[in-house]
């Protein structure tokens, strides 16, 4: 048994990613400043109100971008607190205006910062995918669950929408598959009449077994039956009446 940390990108890739992050942050800041100046110069109340809404939306996008930044140091982070912050920014930037509730159910769970980063990007893609495809303009709810089962972390993103089970995976789900592989994990989806469930399972420890050929190895538990997660979601979360993220511990 050898300690083998989940590796962040190599130095050159990390530098390029940091540069891209810095550029996006600066461009968002510049756009917000220009809109703020235009609003201040306008004498029309409706124009100022519209521009204020645009500024708020850009601020929310910037908050999501900040929450998904690559960690600077390899430290341990409470994944529940990390996801709570991320889900709040996603709700404000995307879901509130779509009248989709976002519920987070996550007890304190300490993981490495780069594990949380990869987990956060997966959760972002799955929430965005559900919001885009599951509700067809209707009100709805998305539930994110995080739990530790033995030596593994299980994260579920469930919705009470009606996305078709035979839809072809887009770029977002291909990204999720790649991120799950980076976590040495497994990702699968379930569909039912009550909605859909996206389930991620990955090792909670940074200790990876090294096999004889030098490759890392974990035995990932098999998936649950096809409808259990969807049925549980239908029982545990009735159709909501209000919007906004709720966090339960």
Foldseek 3Di string as FASTA:
>chain_A
DDQAFLDDDPPVVLVVLVVVLVVVLVVLVVVLVVLVVVLVPDPDPVSVVVSVVVSQLSVLVSQLSVLLDADPDWDKDFLQVSVVSNVQSCQSNPPQVLQEAEEEEEDGDIAIRRLSNLVSLLVSLVVVVCSVAFAVSDYWYWYWYWDDDPQKIKIKIWIQGAGDPPDDDDPSVVSNCVSLVSLVWDWDKAQDNRTIMIMIMHGRDSGFDQDPVRDTDDDYDDDDDRCPVSVVCCVPDPGDDGHGYDYDD
